[in-house]
PDB file of N, CA and C in Angstrom:
ATOM      1  N   MET A   1      65.639  23.456  42.849  1.00  0.00           N
ATOM      2  CA  MET A   1      65.702  24.147  44.059  1.00  0.00           C
ATOM      3  C   MET A   1      64.730  24.863  44.520  1.00  0.00           C
ATOM      4  N   GLN A   2      64.480  24.920  45.727  1.00  0.00           N
ATOM      5  CA  GLN A   2      63.264  25.361  46.627  1.00  0.00           C
ATOM      6  C   GLN A   2      63.515  26.431  47.435  1.00  0.00           C
ATOM      7  N   VAL A   3      62.774  27.270  47.604  1.00  0.00           N
ATOM      8  CA  VAL A   3      62.620  28.394  48.627  1.00  0.00           C
ATOM      9  C   VAL A   3      61.841  28.344  49.793  1.00  0.00           C
ATOM     10  N   TYR A   4      61.941  28.550  50.670  1.00  0.00           N
ATOM     11  CA  TYR A   4      60.993  28.418  52.128  1.00  0.00           C
ATOM     12  C   TYR A   4      61.180  29.528  52.908  1.00  0.00           C
ATOM     13  N   VAL A   5      60.421  30.372  53.508  1.00  0.00           N
ATOM     14  CA  VAL A   5      60.156  31.087  54.381  1.00  0.00           C
ATOM     15  C   VAL A   5      59.219  30.777  55.516  1.00  0.00           C
ATOM     16  N   ASN A   6      60.073  30.792  56.489  1.00  0.00           N
ATOM     17  CA  ASN A   6      59.097  30.123  57.797  1.00  0.00           C
ATOM     18  C   ASN A   6      58.537  29.185  57.610  1.00  0.00           C
ATOM     19  N   GLY A   7      59.082  27.967  56.836  1.00  0.00           N
ATOM     20  CA  GLY A   7      58.675  26.367  56.555  1.00  0.00           C
ATOM     21  C   GLY A   7      57.543  26.582  55.403  1.00  0.00           C
ATOM     22  N   GLN A   8      57.166  27.841  55.040  1.00  0.00           N
ATOM     23  CA  GLN A   8      56.133  27.741  53.632  1.00  0.00           C
ATOM     24  C   GLN A   8      57.019  27.716  52.354  1.00  0.00           C
ATOM     25  N   SER A   9      56.698  27.156  51.484  1.00  0.00           N
ATOM     26  CA  SER A   9      57.393  27.091  49.935  1.00  0.00           C
ATOM     27  C   SER A   9      56.913  28.250  49.545  1.00  0.00           C
ATOM     28  N   GLN A  10      58.147  29.181  48.920  1.00  0.00           N
ATOM     29  CA  GLN A  10      57.903  30.183  48.106  1.00  0.00           C
ATOM     30  C   GLN A  10      57.859  30.132  46.405  1.00  0.00           C
ATOM     31  N   ILE A  11      59.008  29.462  46.444  1.00  0.00           N
ATOM     32  CA  ILE A  11      59.689  29.362  45.124  1.00  0.00           C
ATOM     33  C   ILE A  11      59.967  27.759  44.513  1.00  0.00           C
ATOM     34  N   GLU A  12      59.639  27.345  43.948  1.00  0.00           N
ATOM     35  CA  GLU A  12      60.225  26.256  43.411  1.00  0.00           C
ATOM     36  C   GLU A  12      61.162  26.592  41.847  1.00  0.00           C
ATOM     37  N   TYR A  13      62.507  26.835  41.875  1.00  0.00           N
ATOM     38  CA  TYR A  13      63.338  27.153  40.621  1.00  0.00           C
ATOM     39  C   TYR A  13      63.690  25.742  39.871  1.00  0.00           C
ATOM     40  N   ASP A  14      63.496  25.715  38.587  1.00  0.00           N
ATOM     41  CA  ASP A  14      63.313  24.867  37.813  1.00  0.00           C
ATOM     42  C   ASP A  14      64.799  24.836  36.755  1.00  0.00           C
ATOM     43  N   ARG A  15      66.014  24.354  37.478  1.00  0.00           N
ATOM     44  CA  ARG A  15      67.101  24.353  36.781  1.00  0.00           C
ATOM     45  C   ARG A  15      67.238  23.859  35.265  1.00  0.00           C
ATOM     46  N   SER A  16      66.149  22.830  34.889  1.00  0.00           N
ATOM     47  CA  SER A  16      66.331  22.510  33.349  1.00  0.00           C
ATOM     48  C   SER A  16      65.904  23.478  32.392  1.00  0.00           C
ATOM     49  N   LYS A  17      65.328  24.716  32.777  1.00  0.00           N
ATOM     50  CA  LYS A  17      64.836  25.847  31.832  1.00  0.00           C
ATOM     51  C   LYS A  17      66.133  26.662  31.918  1.00  0.00           C
ATOM     52  N   SER A  18      66.334  26.672  30.265  1.00  0.00           N
ATOM     53  CA  SER A  18      67.605  27.745  30.213  1.00  0.00           C
ATOM     54  C   SER A  18      67.166  29.241  30.231  1.00  0.00           C
ATOM     55  N   LEU A  19      68.297  29.981  30.725  1.00  0.00           N
ATOM     56  CA  LEU A  19      67.836  31.493  30.731  1.00  0.00           C
ATOM     57  C   LEU A  19      68.450  32.271  29.593  1.00  0.00           C
ATOM     58  N   PRO A  20      67.687  33.106  28.965  1.00  0.00           N
ATOM     59  CA  PRO A  20      67.833  33.977  28.049  1.00  0.00           C
ATOM     60  C   PRO A  20      69.457  34.617  28.242  1.00  0.00           C
ATOM     61  N   GLU A  21      70.232  35.014  27.420  1.00  0.00           N
ATOM     62  CA  GLU A  21      71.246  35.361  27.401  1.00  0.00           C
ATOM     63  C   GLU A  21      71.542  36.723  28.010  1.00  0.00           C
ATOM     64  N   LYS A  22      70.478  37.732  27.795  1.00  0.00           N
ATOM     65  CA  LYS A  22      70.540  38.762  28.702  1.00  0.00           C
ATOM     66  C   LYS A  22      70.606  38.798  30.116  1.00  0.00           C
ATOM     67  N   GLN A  23      69.727  37.657  30.783  1.00  0.00           N
ATOM     68  CA  GLN A  23      69.833  37.097  32.129  1.00  0.00           C
ATOM     69  C   GLN A  23      71.185  36.884  32.563  1.00  0.00           C
ATOM     70  N   LEU A  24      71.850  35.849  31.899  1.00  0.00           N
ATOM     71  CA  LEU A  24      73.018  35.346  31.858  1.00  0.00           C
ATOM     72  C   LEU A  24      74.150  36.277  32.092  1.00  0.00           C
ATOM     73  N   GLU A  25      73.784  37.282  31.316  1.00  0.00           N
ATOM     74  CA  GLU A  25      74.964  38.275  31.371  1.00  0.00           C
ATOM     75  C   GLU A  25      74.750  39.113  32.551  1.00  0.00           C
ATOM     76  N   TYR A  26      73.603  39.286  33.237  1.00  0.00           N
ATOM     77  CA  TYR A  26      73.555  39.905  34.543  1.00  0.00           C
ATOM     78  C   TYR A  26      73.804  39.155  35.505  1.00  0.00           C
ATOM     79  N   LEU A  27      73.973  37.818  35.426  1.00  0.00           N
ATOM     80  CA  LEU A  27      74.319  36.975  36.200  1.00  0.00           C
ATOM     81  C   LEU A  27      76.051  37.227  36.394  1.00  0.00           C
ATOM     82  N   GLU A  28      76.352  37.299  35.156  1.00  0.00           N
ATOM     83  CA  GLU A  28      78.140  37.503  35.227  1.00  0.00           C
ATOM     84  C   GLU A  28      78.357  38.771  35.771  1.00  0.00           C
ATOM     85  N   LYS A  29      77.329  40.129  35.505  1.00  0.00           N
ATOM     86  CA  LYS A  29      77.612  41.242  36.246  1.00  0.00           C
ATOM     87  C   LYS A  29      77.543  41.137  37.818  1.00  0.00           C
ATOM     88  N   MET A  30      76.617  40.318  38.086  1.00  0.00           N
ATOM     89  CA  MET A  30      76.712  40.284  39.660  1.00  0.00           C
ATOM     90  C   MET A  30      78.071  39.593  40.058  1.00  0.00           C
ATOM     91  N   ASP A  31      78.400  38.695  39.275  1.00  0.00           N
ATOM     92  CA  ASP A  31      79.713  38.046  39.673  1.00  0.00           C
ATOM     93  C   ASP A  31      80.795  38.941  39.757  1.00  0.00           C
ATOM     94  N   GLN A  32      81.271  39.941  38.702  1.00  0.00           N
ATOM     95  CA  GLN A  32      82.020  41.170  38.694  1.00  0.00           C
ATOM     96  C   GLN A  32      81.578  41.693  39.908  1.00  0.00           C
ATOM     97  N   GLU A  33      80.558  42.225  40.263  1.00  0.00           N
ATOM     98  CA  GLU A  33      80.523  43.245  41.143  1.00  0.00           C
ATOM     99  C   GLU A  33      81.033  42.474  42.613  1.00  0.00           C
ATOM    100  N   MET A  34      80.415  41.135  42.738  1.00  0.00           N
ATOM    101  CA  MET A  34      81.112  40.826  44.148  1.00  0.00           C
ATOM    102  C   MET A  34      82.445  40.355  44.208  1.00  0.00           C
ATOM    103  N   SER A  35      83.471  40.318  43.127  1.00  0.00           N
ATOM    104  CA  SER A  35      84.634  40.423  43.202  1.00  0.00           C
ATOM    105  C   SER A  35      85.306  41.570  43.864  1.00  0.00           C
ATOM    106  N   ALA A  36      84.486  42.718  43.862  1.00  0.00           N
ATOM    107  CA  ALA A  36      85.227  43.712  44.520  1.00  0.00           C
ATOM    108  C   ALA A  36      85.210  43.774  45.954  1.00  0.00           C
ATOM    109  N   GLY A  37      84.348  42.943  46.515  1.00  0.00           N
ATOM    110  CA  GLY A  37      84.278  42.350  47.769  1.00  0.00           C
ATOM    111  C   GLY A  37      82.889  43.133  48.491  1.00  0.00           C
ATOM    112  N   PHE A  38      82.369  42.581  49.597  1.00  0.00           N
ATOM    113  CA  PHE A  38      81.019  43.123  50.144  1.00  0.00           C
ATOM    114  C   PHE A  38      81.062  43.086  51.685  1.00  0.00           C
ATOM    115  N   GLU A  39      80.094  43.699  52.295  1.00  0.00           N
ATOM    116  CA  GLU A  39      79.986  43.270  53.816  1.00  0.00           C
ATOM    117  C   GLU A  39      79.252  42.379  54.174  1.00  0.00           C
ATOM    118  N   LEU A  40      79.500  41.156  55.091  1.00  0.00           N
ATOM    119  CA  LEU A  40      78.738  39.842  55.308  1.00  0.00           C
ATOM    120  C   LEU A  40      78.501  39.648  56.669  1.00  0.00           C
ATOM    121  N   ALA A  41      77.776  39.504  57.331  1.00  0.00           N
ATOM    122  CA  ALA A  41      77.635  39.610  58.790  1.00  0.00           C
ATOM    123  C   ALA A  41      78.392  40.482  59.399  1.00  0.00           C
ATOM    124  N   GLY A  42      78.327  41.955  59.083  1.00  0.00           N
ATOM    125  CA  GLY A  42      79.125  42.529  59.863  1.00  0.00           C
ATOM    126  C   GLY A  42      80.555  42.755  59.505  1.00  0.00           C
ATOM    127  N   GLU A  43      81.249  42.104  58.638  1.00  0.00           N
ATOM    128  CA  GLU A  43      82.607  42.077  58.451  1.00  0.00           C
ATOM    129  C   GLU A  43      82.878  42.347  56.873  1.00  0.00           C
ATOM    130  N   GLN A  44      83.936  42.765  56.772  1.00  0.00           N
ATOM    131  CA  GLN A  44      84.318  43.286  55.244  1.00  0.00           C
ATOM    132  C   GLN A  44      84.871  41.881  54.268  1.00  0.00           C
ATOM    133  N   VAL A  45      84.278  41.376  52.995  1.00  0.00           N
ATOM    134  CA  VAL A  45      84.874  40.267  52.609  1.00  0.00           C
ATOM    135  C   VAL A  45      85.726  40.866  51.265  1.00  0.00           C
ATOM    136  N   LYS A  46      86.859  40.734  51.211  1.00  0.00           N
ATOM    137  CA  LYS A  46      87.664  41.646  50.086  1.00  0.00           C
ATOM    138  C   LYS A  46      87.751  40.360  49.154  1.00  0.00           C
ATOM    139  N   ASP A  47      87.664  39.034  49.387  1.00  0.00           N
ATOM    140  CA  ASP A  47      87.882  38.280  48.266  1.00  0.00           C
ATOM    141  C   ASP A  47      87.296  37.023  48.648  1.00  0.00           C
ATOM    142  N   PRO A  48      85.804  37.308  48.125  1.00  0.00           N
ATOM    143  CA  PRO A  48      84.813  36.156  48.220  1.00  0.00           C
ATOM    144  C   PRO A  48      84.776  34.632  47.621  1.00  0.00           C
ATOM    145  N   ASP A  49      84.862  33.715  48.308  1.00  0.00           N
ATOM    146  CA  ASP A  49      84.605  32.517  47.669  1.00  0.00           C
ATOM    147  C   ASP A  49      83.224  32.298  47.531  1.00  0.00           C
ATOM    148  N   LEU A  50      82.862  31.096  46.830  1.00  0.00           N
ATOM    149  CA  LEU A  50      81.642  30.831  46.319  1.00  0.00           C
ATOM    150  C   LEU A  50      80.263  30.576  47.281  1.00  0.00           C
ATOM    151  N   LEU A  51      80.893  30.149  48.331  1.00  0.00           N
ATOM    152  CA  LEU A  51      79.992  30.158  49.509  1.00  0.00           C
ATOM    153  C   LEU A  51      79.814  31.484  50.158  1.00  0.00           C
ATOM    154  N   GLN A  52      80.679  32.415  50.525  1.00  0.00           N
ATOM    155  CA  GLN A  52      80.593  33.654  50.898  1.00  0.00           C
ATOM    156  C   GLN A  52      79.595  34.523  49.908  1.00  0.00           C
ATOM    157  N   ARG A  53      79.648  34.241  48.796  1.00  0.00           N
ATOM    158  CA  ARG A  53      78.790  34.707  47.574  1.00  0.00           C
ATOM    159  C   ARG A  53      77.672  34.423  47.481  1.00  0.00           C
ATOM    160  N   ALA A  54      77.419  32.844  47.880  1.00  0.00           N
ATOM    161  CA  ALA A  54      75.932  32.507  48.009  1.00  0.00           C
ATOM    162  C   ALA A  54      75.220  32.993  49.116  1.00  0.00           C
ATOM    163  N   GLN A  55      75.688  33.309  50.216  1.00  0.00           N
ATOM    164  CA  GLN A  55      75.455  33.528  51.487  1.00  0.00           C
ATOM    165  C   GLN A  55      75.062  35.265  51.246  1.00  0.00           C
ATOM    166  N   PHE A  56      75.643  35.848  50.494  1.00  0.00           N
ATOM    167  CA  PHE A  56      75.364  37.507  49.938  1.00  0.00           C
ATOM    168  C   PHE A  56      74.306  37.421  49.126  1.00  0.00           C
ATOM    169  N   VAL A  57      74.100  36.411  48.227  1.00  0.00           N
ATOM    170  CA  VAL A  57      73.263  36.772  47.592  1.00  0.00           C
ATOM    171  C   VAL A  57      71.597  35.895  47.988  1.00  0.00           C
ATOM    172  N   ALA A  58      72.185  35.126  48.861  1.00  0.00           N
ATOM    173  CA  ALA A  58      70.652  34.673  49.672  1.00  0.00           C
ATOM    174  C   ALA A  58      70.524  35.755  50.579  1.00  0.00           C
ATOM    175  N   GLY A  59      70.947  36.727  51.080  1.00  0.00           N
ATOM    176  CA  GLY A  59      70.543  37.692  51.952  1.00  0.00           C
ATOM    177  C   GLY A  59      69.768  38.618  50.897  1.00  0.00           C
ATOM    178  N   TYR A  60      70.387  38.855  49.772  1.00  0.00           N
ATOM    179  CA  TYR A  60      69.426  39.699  48.775  1.00  0.00           C
ATOM    180  C   TYR A  60      68.004  39.161  48.492  1.00  0.00           C
ATOM    181  N   LEU A  61      68.228  37.853  48.482  1.00  0.00           N
ATOM    182  CA  LEU A  61      66.917  37.107  47.942  1.00  0.00           C
ATOM    183  C   LEU A  61      65.865  37.069  48.829  1.00  0.00           C
ATOM    184  N   SER A  62      66.641  37.200  50.273  1.00  0.00           N
ATOM    185  CA  SER A  62      65.488  37.491  51.702  1.00  0.00           C
ATOM    186  C   SER A  62      64.701  38.808  51.583  1.00  0.00           C
ATOM    187  N   GLN A  63      65.734  39.503  51.299  1.00  0.00           N
ATOM    188  CA  GLN A  63      65.336  41.014  50.997  1.00  0.00           C
ATOM    189  C   GLN A  63      64.278  41.303  50.012  1.00  0.00           C
ATOM    190  N   ALA A  64      64.651  40.492  48.456  1.00  0.00           N
ATOM    191  CA  ALA A  64      63.318  40.668  47.662  1.00  0.00           C
ATOM    192  C   ALA A  64      62.467  40.014  47.833  1.00  0.00           C
ATOM    193  N   LEU A  65      62.204  38.755  48.727  1.00  0.00           N
ATOM    194  CA  LEU A  65      61.189  38.268  48.960  1.00  0.00           C
ATOM    195  C   LEU A  65      60.012  39.051  49.660  1.00  0.00           C
ATOM    196  N   PHE A  66      60.737  39.636  50.954  1.00  0.00           N
ATOM    197  CA  PHE A  66      59.899  40.599  51.948  1.00  0.00           C
ATOM    198  C   PHE A  66      59.366  41.952  51.298  1.00  0.00           C
ATOM    199  N   SER A  67      60.229  42.024  50.339  1.00  0.00           N
ATOM    200  CA  SER A  67      59.709  43.819  49.626  1.00  0.00           C
ATOM    201  C   SER A  67      59.081  43.411  48.574  1.00  0.00           C
ATOM    202  N   GLU A  68      58.967  41.842  47.691  1.00  0.00           N
ATOM    203  CA  GLU A  68      58.094  41.512  46.619  1.00  0.00           C
ATOM    204  C   GLU A  68      58.903  42.177  45.452  1.00  0.00           C
ATOM    205  N   ASN A  69      60.438  42.193  45.574  1.00  0.00           N
ATOM    206  CA  ASN A  69      60.583  42.706  44.378  1.00  0.00           C
ATOM    207  C   ASN A  69      61.092  41.533  43.317  1.00  0.00           C
ATOM    208  N   ASP A  70      60.191  41.425  42.322  1.00  0.00           N
ATOM    209  CA  ASP A  70      60.183  40.082  41.635  1.00  0.00           C
ATOM    210  C   ASP A  70      61.785  40.202  40.741  1.00  0.00           C
ATOM    211  N   ALA A  71      62.251  41.282  40.350  1.00  0.00           N
ATOM    212  CA  ALA A  71      63.115  40.947  39.628  1.00  0.00           C
ATOM    213  C   ALA A  71      64.373  40.363  40.298  1.00  0.00           C
ATOM    214  N   MET A  72      64.475  41.136  41.690  1.00  0.00           N
ATOM    215  CA  MET A  72      65.805  40.884  42.562  1.00  0.00           C
ATOM    216  C   MET A  72      65.460  39.238  42.910  1.00  0.00           C
ATOM    217  N   ILE A  73      64.207  38.770  43.157  1.00  0.00           N
ATOM    218  CA  ILE A  73      63.978  37.393  43.299  1.00  0.00           C
ATOM    219  C   ILE A  73      64.531  36.265  42.366  1.00  0.00           C
ATOM    220  N   ALA A  74      63.890  36.814  41.240  1.00  0.00           N
ATOM    221  CA  ALA A  74      64.502  35.978  39.777  1.00  0.00           C
ATOM    222  C   ALA A  74      66.189  36.192  39.548  1.00  0.00           C
ATOM    223  N   ALA A  75      67.017  37.088  40.074  1.00  0.00           N
ATOM    224  CA  ALA A  75      67.896  37.341  39.924  1.00  0.00           C
ATOM    225  C   ALA A  75      68.721  36.437  40.736  1.00  0.00           C
ATOM    226  N   SER A  76      68.428  36.474  42.070  1.00  0.00           N
ATOM    227  CA  SER A  76      68.945  36.023  43.126  1.00  0.00           C
ATOM    228  C   SER A  76      68.884  34.337  43.033  1.00  0.00           C
ATOM    229  N   CYS A  77      67.494  33.844  42.928  1.00  0.00           N
ATOM    230  CA  CYS A  77      67.248  32.356  42.520  1.00  0.00           C
ATOM    231  C   CYS A  77      68.158  31.863  41.519  1.00  0.00           C
ATOM    232  N   ALA A  78      67.960  32.694  40.137  1.00  0.00           N
ATOM    233  CA  ALA A  78      68.950  31.812  39.124  1.00  0.00           C
ATOM    234  C   ALA A  78      70.358  31.847  39.365  1.00  0.00           C
ATOM    235  N   TRP A  79      71.165  33.174  40.269  1.00  0.00           N
ATOM    236  CA  TRP A  79      72.367  32.988  40.632  1.00  0.00           C
ATOM    237  C   TRP A  79      72.670  31.761  41.414  1.00  0.00           C
ATOM    238  N   LEU A  80      71.473  31.698  42.685  1.00  0.00           N
ATOM    239  CA  LEU A  80      71.958  30.554  43.646  1.00  0.00           C
ATOM    240  C   LEU A  80      71.918  29.192  42.958  1.00  0.00           C
ATOM    241  N   ALA A  81      70.810  29.199  41.741  1.00  0.00           N
ATOM    242  CA  ALA A  81      70.870  27.733  41.122  1.00  0.00           C
ATOM    243  C   ALA A  81      71.464  27.283  40.182  1.00  0.00           C
ATOM    244  N   LEU A  82      72.330  28.452  39.433  1.00  0.00           N
ATOM    245  CA  LEU A  82      73.073  27.980  38.341  1.00  0.00           C
ATOM    246  C   LEU A  82      74.625  28.042  39.059  1.00  0.00           C
ATOM    247  N   ARG A  83      74.876  28.556  40.003  1.00  0.00           N
ATOM    248  CA  ARG A  83      76.234  28.923  40.561  1.00  0.00           C
ATOM    249  C   ARG A  83      76.712  27.322  41.856  1.00  0.00           C
ATOM    250  N   LEU A  84      75.548  27.063  42.321  1.00  0.00           N
ATOM    251  CA  LEU A  84      75.472  26.037  43.057  1.00  0.00           C
ATOM    252  C   LEU A  84      74.562  24.985  42.812  1.00  0.00           C
ATOM    253  N   GLN A  85      75.028  23.983  41.803  1.00  0.00           N
ATOM    254  CA  GLN A  85      74.135  23.019  41.388  1.00  0.00           C
ATOM    255  C   GLN A  85      73.531  22.102  42.425  1.00  0.00           C
ATOM    256  N   ASP A  86      74.367  21.907  43.355  1.00  0.00           N
ATOM    257  CA  ASP A  86      73.948  20.782  44.285  1.00  0.00           C
ATOM    258  C   ASP A  86      73.003  21.416  45.727  1.00  0.00           C
ATOM    259  N   LEU A  87      72.743  22.913  45.471  1.00  0.00           N
ATOM    260  CA  LEU A  87      71.983  23.558  46.413  1.00  0.00           C
ATOM    261  C   LEU A  87      70.394  22.856  46.235  1.00  0.00           C
ATOM    262  N   LYS A  88      69.800  22.454  47.007  1.00  0.00           N
ATOM    263  CA  LYS A  88      68.497  21.716  47.188  1.00  0.00           C
ATOM    264  C   LYS A  88      67.462  23.101  47.746  1.00  0.00           C
ATOM    265  N   GLN A  89      67.821  23.532  48.851  1.00  0.00           N
ATOM    266  CA  GLN A  89      66.891  24.533  49.460  1.00  0.00           C
ATOM    267  C   GLN A  89      67.605  25.670  50.139  1.00  0.00           C
ATOM    268  N   VAL A  90      66.983  26.614  50.012  1.00  0.00           N
ATOM    269  CA  VAL A  90      67.395  27.930  50.916  1.00  0.00           C
ATOM    270  C   VAL A  90      66.113  28.206  51.880  1.00  0.00           C
ATOM    271  N   LYS A  91      66.548  27.850  52.985  1.00  0.00           N
ATOM    272  CA  LYS A  91      65.583  28.207  54.188  1.00  0.00           C
ATOM    273  C   LYS A  91      65.495  29.728  54.619  1.00  0.00           C
ATOM    274  N   ILE A  92      64.726  30.588  54.717  1.00  0.00           N
ATOM    275  CA  ILE A  92      64.686  31.593  55.502  1.00  0.00           C
ATOM    276  C   ILE A  92      63.523  31.844  56.409  1.00  0.00           C
ATOM    277  N   ILE A  93      64.186  32.116  57.486  1.00  0.00           N
ATOM    278  CA  ILE A  93      63.731  31.937  58.860  1.00  0.00           C
ATOM    279  C   ILE A  93      63.372  33.317  59.506  1.00  0.00           C
ATOM    280  N   GLN A  94      62.474  34.197  59.621  1.00  0.00           N
ATOM    281  CA  GLN A  94      62.427  35.320  59.953  1.00  0.00           C
ATOM    282  C   GLN A  94      61.404  35.325  61.337  1.00  0.00           C
ATOM    283  N   ASP A  95      62.030  36.015  62.458  1.00  0.00           N
ATOM    284  CA  ASP A  95      61.445  35.940  63.709  1.00  0.00           C
ATOM    285  C   ASP A  95      61.210  37.826  63.844  1.00  0.00           C
ATOM    286  N   GLU A  96      60.874  38.033  65.166  1.00  0.00           N
ATOM    287  CA  GLU A  96      60.602  39.383  65.487  1.00  0.00           C
ATOM    288  C   GLU A  96      61.949  40.507  65.222  1.00  0.00           C
ATOM    289  N   GLU A  97      62.976  39.676  65.408  1.00  0.00           N
ATOM    290  CA  GLU A  97      64.335  40.549  65.506  1.00  0.00           C
ATOM    291  C   GLU A  97      65.085  40.409  64.562  1.00  0.00           C
ATOM    292  N   GLN A  98      65.173  38.960  63.828  1.00  0.00           N
ATOM    293  CA  GLN A  98      66.296  38.914  63.266  1.00  0.00           C
ATOM    294  C   GLN A  98      65.922  37.610  61.723  1.00  0.00           C
ATOM    295  N   ILE A  99      66.618  37.850  61.126  1.00  0.00           N
ATOM    296  CA  ILE A  99      66.425  36.699  59.836  1.00  0.00           C
ATOM    297  C   ILE A  99      67.511  35.763  59.918  1.00  0.00           C
ATOM    298  N   SER A 100      67.317  34.526  59.599  1.00  0.00           N
ATOM    299  CA  SER A 100      68.533  33.536  59.356  1.00  0.00           C
ATOM    300  C   SER A 100      68.213  32.731  57.917  1.00  0.00           C
ATOM    301  N   ILE A 101      69.315  32.498  57.556  1.00  0.00           N
ATOM    302  CA  ILE A 101      68.970  32.039  56.446  1.00  0.00           C
ATOM    303  C   ILE A 101      70.289  30.593  56.217  1.00  0.00           C
ATOM    304  N   ASP A 102      69.246  29.355  55.910  1.00  0.00           N
ATOM    305  CA  ASP A 102      70.489  28.258  55.898  1.00  0.00           C
ATOM    306  C   ASP A 102      70.060  27.866  54.430  1.00  0.00           C
ATOM    307  N   LEU A 103      71.729  27.462  53.786  1.00  0.00           N
ATOM    308  CA  LEU A 103      71.560  26.942  52.370  1.00  0.00           C
ATOM    309  C   LEU A 103      71.931  25.300  52.591  1.00  0.00           C
ATOM    310  N   VAL A 104      70.662  24.846  51.804  1.00  0.00           N
ATOM    311  CA  VAL A 104      70.620  23.032  52.242  1.00  0.00           C
ATOM    312  C   VAL A 104      71.142  22.361  50.947  1.00  0.00           C
ATOM    313  N   PHE A 105      72.377  21.414  51.257  1.00  0.00           N
ATOM    314  CA  PHE A 105      72.617  20.819  50.020  1.00  0.00           C
ATOM    315  C   PHE A 105      72.207  19.457  50.333  1.00  0.00           C
ATOM    316  N   ASP A 106      71.605  18.696  51.091  1.00  0.00           N
ATOM    317  CA  ASP A 106      71.633  17.648  51.205  1.00  0.00           C
ATOM    318  C   ASP A 106      69.829  16.797  51.454  1.00  0.00           C
ATOM    319  N   GLU A 107      69.081  17.911  51.462  1.00  0.00           N
ATOM    320  CA  GLU A 107      67.469  17.386  51.595  1.00  0.00           C
ATOM    321  C   GLU A 107      66.649  18.044  50.433  1.00  0.00           C
ATOM    322  N   THR A 108      65.997  17.258  50.156  1.00  0.00           N
ATOM    323  CA  THR A 108      64.900  17.894  49.025  1.00  0.00           C
ATOM    324  C   THR A 108      63.634  17.617  50.196  1.00  0.00           C
ATOM    325  N   ARG A 109      62.331  18.454  49.317  1.00  0.00           N
ATOM    326  CA  ARG A 109      60.972  18.135  50.073  1.00  0.00           C
ATOM    327  C   ARG A 109      59.966  18.249  48.943  1.00  0.00           C
ATOM    328  N   VAL A 110      59.549  16.915  48.827  1.00  0.00           N
ATOM    329  CA  VAL A 110      58.748  16.729  47.856  1.00  0.00           C
ATOM    330  C   VAL A 110      57.294  16.233  48.397  1.00  0.00           C
ATOM    331  N   ASN A 111      56.212  16.377  47.295  1.00  0.00           N
ATOM    332  CA  ASN A 111      55.048  16.133  47.898  1.00  0.00           C
ATOM    333  C   ASN A 111      54.521  16.811  48.826  1.00  0.00           C
ATOM    334  N   GLN A 112      54.735  17.919  48.945  1.00  0.00           N
ATOM    335  CA  GLN A 112      54.181  18.726  50.067  1.00  0.00           C
ATOM    336  C   GLN A 112      52.814  19.203  49.678  1.00  0.00           C
ATOM    337  N   VAL A 113      52.195  19.402  51.138  1.00  0.00           N
ATOM    338  CA  VAL A 113      50.476  19.991  50.846  1.00  0.00           C
ATOM    339  C   VAL A 113      50.601  21.273  51.810  1.00  0.00           C
ATOM    340  N   LYS A 114      50.281  22.144  51.386  1.00  0.00           N
ATOM    341  CA  LYS A 114      50.123  23.490  52.175  1.00  0.00           C
ATOM    342  C   LYS A 114      48.905  23.384  52.816  1.00  0.00           C
ATOM    343  N   VAL A 115      48.852  23.605  54.020  1.00  0.00           N
ATOM    344  CA  VAL A 115      47.724  23.453  54.793  1.00  0.00           C
ATOM    345  C   VAL A 115      47.269  24.815  55.751  1.00  0.00           C
ATOM    346  N   ASP A 116      46.337  25.631  55.341  1.00  0.00           N
ATOM    347  CA  ASP A 116      46.205  26.699  56.235  1.00  0.00           C
ATOM    348  C   ASP A 116      45.039  26.755  57.180  1.00  0.00           C
ATOM    349  N   LEU A 117      45.753  26.779  58.433  1.00  0.00           N
ATOM    350  CA  LEU A 117      45.030  26.538  59.759  1.00  0.00           C
ATOM    351  C   LEU A 117      43.932  27.948  60.202  1.00  0.00           C
ATOM    352  N   SER A 118      42.835  27.962  60.609  1.00  0.00           N
ATOM    353  CA  SER A 118      42.311  29.311  61.215  1.00  0.00           C
ATOM    354  C   SER A 118      41.881  28.634  62.606  1.00  0.00           C
ATOM    355  N   MET A 119      41.665  29.664  63.350  1.00  0.00           N
ATOM    356  CA  MET A 119      41.166  29.161  64.644  1.00  0.00           C
ATOM    357  C   MET A 119      39.712  29.457  64.622  1.00  0.00           C
ATOM    358  N   PRO A 120      38.992  28.863  65.321  1.00  0.00           N
ATOM    359  CA  PRO A 120      37.450  29.407  65.166  1.00  0.00           C
ATOM    360  C   PRO A 120      37.614  30.209  66.354  1.00  0.00           C
ATOM    361  N   THR A 121      36.467  31.413  65.932  1.00  0.00           N
ATOM    362  CA  THR A 121      36.244  32.299  67.103  1.00  0.00           C
ATOM    363  C   THR A 121      35.811  32.050  68.192  1.00  0.00           C
ATOM    364  N   LYS A 122      34.730  31.006  67.986  1.00  0.00           N
ATOM    365  CA  LYS A 122      34.227  30.361  69.735  1.00  0.00           C
ATOM    366  C   LYS A 122      34.251  28.940  69.486  1.00  0.00           C
ATOM    367  N   ALA A 123      35.201  28.491  70.354  1.00  0.00           N
ATOM    368  CA  ALA A 123      35.285  27.101  70.229  1.00  0.00           C
ATOM    369  C   ALA A 123      34.959  26.579  71.796  1.00  0.00           C
ATOM    370  N   LYS A 124      34.656  25.415  72.087  1.00  0.00           N
ATOM    371  CA  LYS A 124      34.395  24.589  72.971  1.00  0.00           C
ATOM    372  C   LYS A 124      35.753  24.029  73.555  1.00  0.00           C
ATOM    373  N   PRO A 125      36.197  23.785  74.876  1.00  0.00           N
ATOM    374  CA  PRO A 125      37.220  23.264  75.074  1.00  0.00           C
ATOM    375  C   PRO A 125      37.407  21.347  74.371  1.00  0.00           C
ATOM    376  N   LEU A 126      38.471  21.208  74.534  1.00  0.00           N
ATOM    377  CA  LEU A 126      38.722  19.948  73.789  1.00  0.00           C
ATOM    378  C   LEU A 126      38.461  18.735  75.061  1.00  0.00           C
ATOM    379  N   HIS A 127      38.236  19.145  76.134  1.00  0.00           N
ATOM    380  CA  HIS A 127      38.282  18.337  77.353  1.00  0.00           C
ATOM    381  C   HIS A 127      36.854  18.091  77.747  1.00  0.00           C
TER     382      HIS A 127
END
């Protein structure tokens, strides 16, 4: 499972690595707490289904990435990857006013190359 922020790969979660028992217990605790319900997109969800839980956890993942909270990033990624085996990507887009999150089940991106571009300070026009 891959996590992208504004089109840039941030995390690649390897599902083949097993989690220690303590971390699995924490994921179970997350499930129990979500069973009590939560607010999602301004609405109270009393009996959340798996997709609603995934949207909620993905929201926490985006917060964790922007606040650089490694423990929350790890827990959120593990929950999403283990509970949604078909999830290929989490795409987080942040603009000036809002954050949007897409859970992608039907595409993977492989062999990517990150290219950082910087504009020259003094450049001649191309024409």
